[in-house]
Amino acid sequence: MSFGAPELIIVLLIVLLLFGGAKLPKLARSLGEASREFKKGIDDKDKDKDEKTGEGKTTT
């Protein structure tokens, strides 16, 4: 099951109808912040794992 352009447009229209034009920027901002925090957590986890195992990046 894959999504093409027509399906994405339909989903965007439904979201616009549900949330309204005024709340969409706030919704997008909160999704962006959540995504950033998730990526930051993953990076921190990788750094902690590298520090515990001694497999950090070395510079020459």
N, C-alpha and C. Protein backbone atom coordinates (compact mmCIF):
# COMPACT_ATOMS: atom_id res chain seq x y z
N MET A 1 0.85 -1.17 0.00
CA MET A 1 0.00 0.00 0.00
C MET A 1 0.89 1.24 0.00
N SER A 2 0.77 2.03 -1.03
CA SER A 2 1.58 3.25 -1.11
C SER A 2 0.66 4.46 -1.31
N PHE A 3 1.17 5.60 -0.88
CA PHE A 3 0.42 6.83 -1.01
C PHE A 3 0.97 7.64 -2.18
N GLY A 4 0.10 8.05 -3.06
CA GLY A 4 0.49 8.91 -4.16
C GLY A 4 0.04 10.33 -3.88
N ALA A 5 0.20 11.17 -4.87
CA ALA A 5 -0.16 12.58 -4.72
C ALA A 5 -1.65 12.77 -4.43
N PRO A 6 -2.55 12.08 -5.14
CA PRO A 6 -3.98 12.29 -4.84
C PRO A 6 -4.36 11.93 -3.41
N GLU A 7 -3.80 10.86 -2.89
CA GLU A 7 -4.10 10.46 -1.52
C GLU A 7 -3.59 11.47 -0.51
N LEU A 8 -2.38 11.99 -0.75
CA LEU A 8 -1.81 12.99 0.16
C LEU A 8 -2.63 14.28 0.14
N ILE A 9 -3.11 14.66 -1.03
CA ILE A 9 -3.94 15.86 -1.12
C ILE A 9 -5.24 15.67 -0.34
N ILE A 10 -5.84 14.51 -0.45
CA ILE A 10 -7.07 14.22 0.28
C ILE A 10 -6.82 14.28 1.79
N VAL A 11 -5.73 13.69 2.24
CA VAL A 11 -5.40 13.70 3.66
C VAL A 11 -5.17 15.14 4.14
N LEU A 12 -4.46 15.93 3.37
CA LEU A 12 -4.22 17.33 3.74
C LEU A 12 -5.52 18.12 3.81
N LEU A 13 -6.44 17.88 2.89
CA LEU A 13 -7.73 18.56 2.93
C LEU A 13 -8.53 18.17 4.17
N ILE A 14 -8.49 16.90 4.52
CA ILE A 14 -9.20 16.45 5.72
C ILE A 14 -8.60 17.10 6.97
N VAL A 15 -7.28 17.16 7.04
CA VAL A 15 -6.62 17.80 8.18
C VAL A 15 -6.99 19.28 8.25
N LEU A 16 -7.03 19.92 7.10
CA LEU A 16 -7.40 21.34 7.05
C LEU A 16 -8.83 21.53 7.55
N LEU A 17 -9.72 20.65 7.15
CA LEU A 17 -11.11 20.75 7.61
C LEU A 17 -11.24 20.49 9.11
N LEU A 18 -10.47 19.53 9.62
CA LEU A 18 -10.56 19.19 11.04
C LEU A 18 -9.97 20.26 11.95
N PHE A 19 -8.83 20.79 11.59
CA PHE A 19 -8.12 21.70 12.48
C PHE A 19 -8.30 23.17 12.11
N GLY A 20 -8.64 23.46 10.89
CA GLY A 20 -8.79 24.85 10.47
C GLY A 20 -7.46 25.47 10.10
N GLY A 21 -7.52 26.52 9.32
CA GLY A 21 -6.30 27.16 8.83
C GLY A 21 -5.49 27.84 9.91
N ALA A 22 -6.15 28.30 10.96
CA ALA A 22 -5.43 29.04 12.01
C ALA A 22 -4.59 28.13 12.88
N LYS A 23 -5.02 26.90 13.07
CA LYS A 23 -4.30 26.00 13.97
C LYS A 23 -3.24 25.17 13.26
N LEU A 24 -3.23 25.15 11.94
CA LEU A 24 -2.25 24.34 11.22
C LEU A 24 -0.81 24.75 11.49
N PRO A 25 -0.46 26.04 11.49
CA PRO A 25 0.94 26.39 11.79
C PRO A 25 1.37 25.93 13.19
N LYS A 26 0.47 26.06 14.16
CA LYS A 26 0.79 25.63 15.52
C LYS A 26 0.97 24.11 15.57
N LEU A 27 0.12 23.39 14.85
CA LEU A 27 0.22 21.93 14.79
C LEU A 27 1.54 21.51 14.12
N ALA A 28 1.88 22.16 13.02
CA ALA A 28 3.13 21.84 12.32
C ALA A 28 4.34 22.15 13.19
N ARG A 29 4.29 23.25 13.93
CA ARG A 29 5.40 23.62 14.82
C ARG A 29 5.59 22.58 15.91
N SER A 30 4.48 22.13 16.50
CA SER A 30 4.60 21.14 17.57
C SER A 30 5.09 19.79 17.03
N LEU A 31 4.69 19.44 15.82
CA LEU A 31 5.20 18.21 15.21
C LEU A 31 6.70 18.32 14.94
N GLY A 32 7.14 19.48 14.49
CA GLY A 32 8.57 19.70 14.25
C GLY A 32 9.38 19.62 15.53
N GLU A 33 8.86 20.20 16.60
CA GLU A 33 9.56 20.15 17.89
C GLU A 33 9.63 18.71 18.40
N ALA A 34 8.54 17.98 18.25
CA ALA A 34 8.54 16.58 18.69
C ALA A 34 9.55 15.76 17.90
N SER A 35 9.61 16.00 16.60
CA SER A 35 10.57 15.29 15.75
C SER A 35 12.00 15.62 16.17
N ARG A 36 12.27 16.90 16.44
CA ARG A 36 13.60 17.31 16.88
C ARG A 36 14.00 16.65 18.19
N GLU A 37 13.07 16.62 19.14
CA GLU A 37 13.34 16.00 20.43
C GLU A 37 13.60 14.50 20.28
N PHE A 38 12.84 13.86 19.40
CA PHE A 38 13.04 12.43 19.16
C PHE A 38 14.43 12.17 18.60
N LYS A 39 14.83 12.96 17.59
CA LYS A 39 16.15 12.78 16.99
C LYS A 39 17.25 13.06 18.01
N LYS A 40 17.04 14.07 18.85
CA LYS A 40 18.02 14.40 19.88
C LYS A 40 18.15 13.24 20.87
N GLY A 41 17.04 12.64 21.24
CA GLY A 41 17.07 11.49 22.15
C GLY A 41 17.80 10.31 21.55
N ILE A 42 17.58 10.07 20.26
CA ILE A 42 18.28 8.97 19.58
C ILE A 42 19.78 9.24 19.54
N ASP A 43 20.16 10.48 19.22
CA ASP A 43 21.59 10.83 19.18
C ASP A 43 22.23 10.69 20.56
N ASP A 44 21.53 11.12 21.60
CA ASP A 44 22.06 11.01 22.95
C ASP A 44 22.23 9.55 23.34
N LYS A 45 21.29 8.72 22.94
CA LYS A 45 21.38 7.29 23.24
C LYS A 45 22.60 6.68 22.56
N ASP A 46 22.83 7.07 21.29
CA ASP A 46 23.99 6.56 20.56
C ASP A 46 25.29 7.02 21.21
N LYS A 47 25.34 8.28 21.66
CA LYS A 47 26.55 8.79 22.32
C LYS A 47 26.82 8.04 23.62
N ASP A 48 25.76 7.80 24.40
CA ASP A 48 25.93 7.07 25.65
C ASP A 48 26.42 5.65 25.39
N LYS A 49 25.88 5.02 24.36
CA LYS A 49 26.29 3.66 24.02
C LYS A 49 27.76 3.63 23.61
N ASP A 50 28.16 4.61 22.79
CA ASP A 50 29.55 4.69 22.34
C ASP A 50 30.50 4.93 23.52
N GLU A 51 30.09 5.77 24.45
CA GLU A 51 30.93 6.06 25.60
C GLU A 51 31.10 4.83 26.49
N LYS A 52 30.04 4.05 26.63
CA LYS A 52 30.11 2.86 27.48
C LYS A 52 30.95 1.77 26.86
N THR A 53 30.89 1.65 25.54
CA THR A 53 31.64 0.59 24.87
C THR A 53 33.02 1.03 24.41
N GLY A 54 33.29 2.35 24.48
CA GLY A 54 34.59 2.86 24.04
C GLY A 54 34.72 2.95 22.55
N GLU A 55 33.61 3.00 21.85
CA GLU A 55 33.63 3.05 20.39
C GLU A 55 33.33 4.45 19.88
N GLY A 56 33.90 5.45 20.41
CA GLY A 56 33.66 6.82 19.96
C GLY A 56 34.43 7.11 18.70
N LYS A 57 34.08 8.23 18.07
CA LYS A 57 34.80 8.65 16.88
C LYS A 57 36.14 9.19 17.31
N THR A 58 37.16 8.85 16.58
CA THR A 58 38.50 9.35 16.89
C THR A 58 38.92 10.34 15.83
N THR A 59 39.58 11.37 16.24
CA THR A 59 40.08 12.37 15.29
C THR A 59 41.58 12.25 15.20
N THR A 60 42.10 12.49 14.02
CA THR A 60 43.56 12.42 13.84
C THR A 60 44.11 13.72 13.38
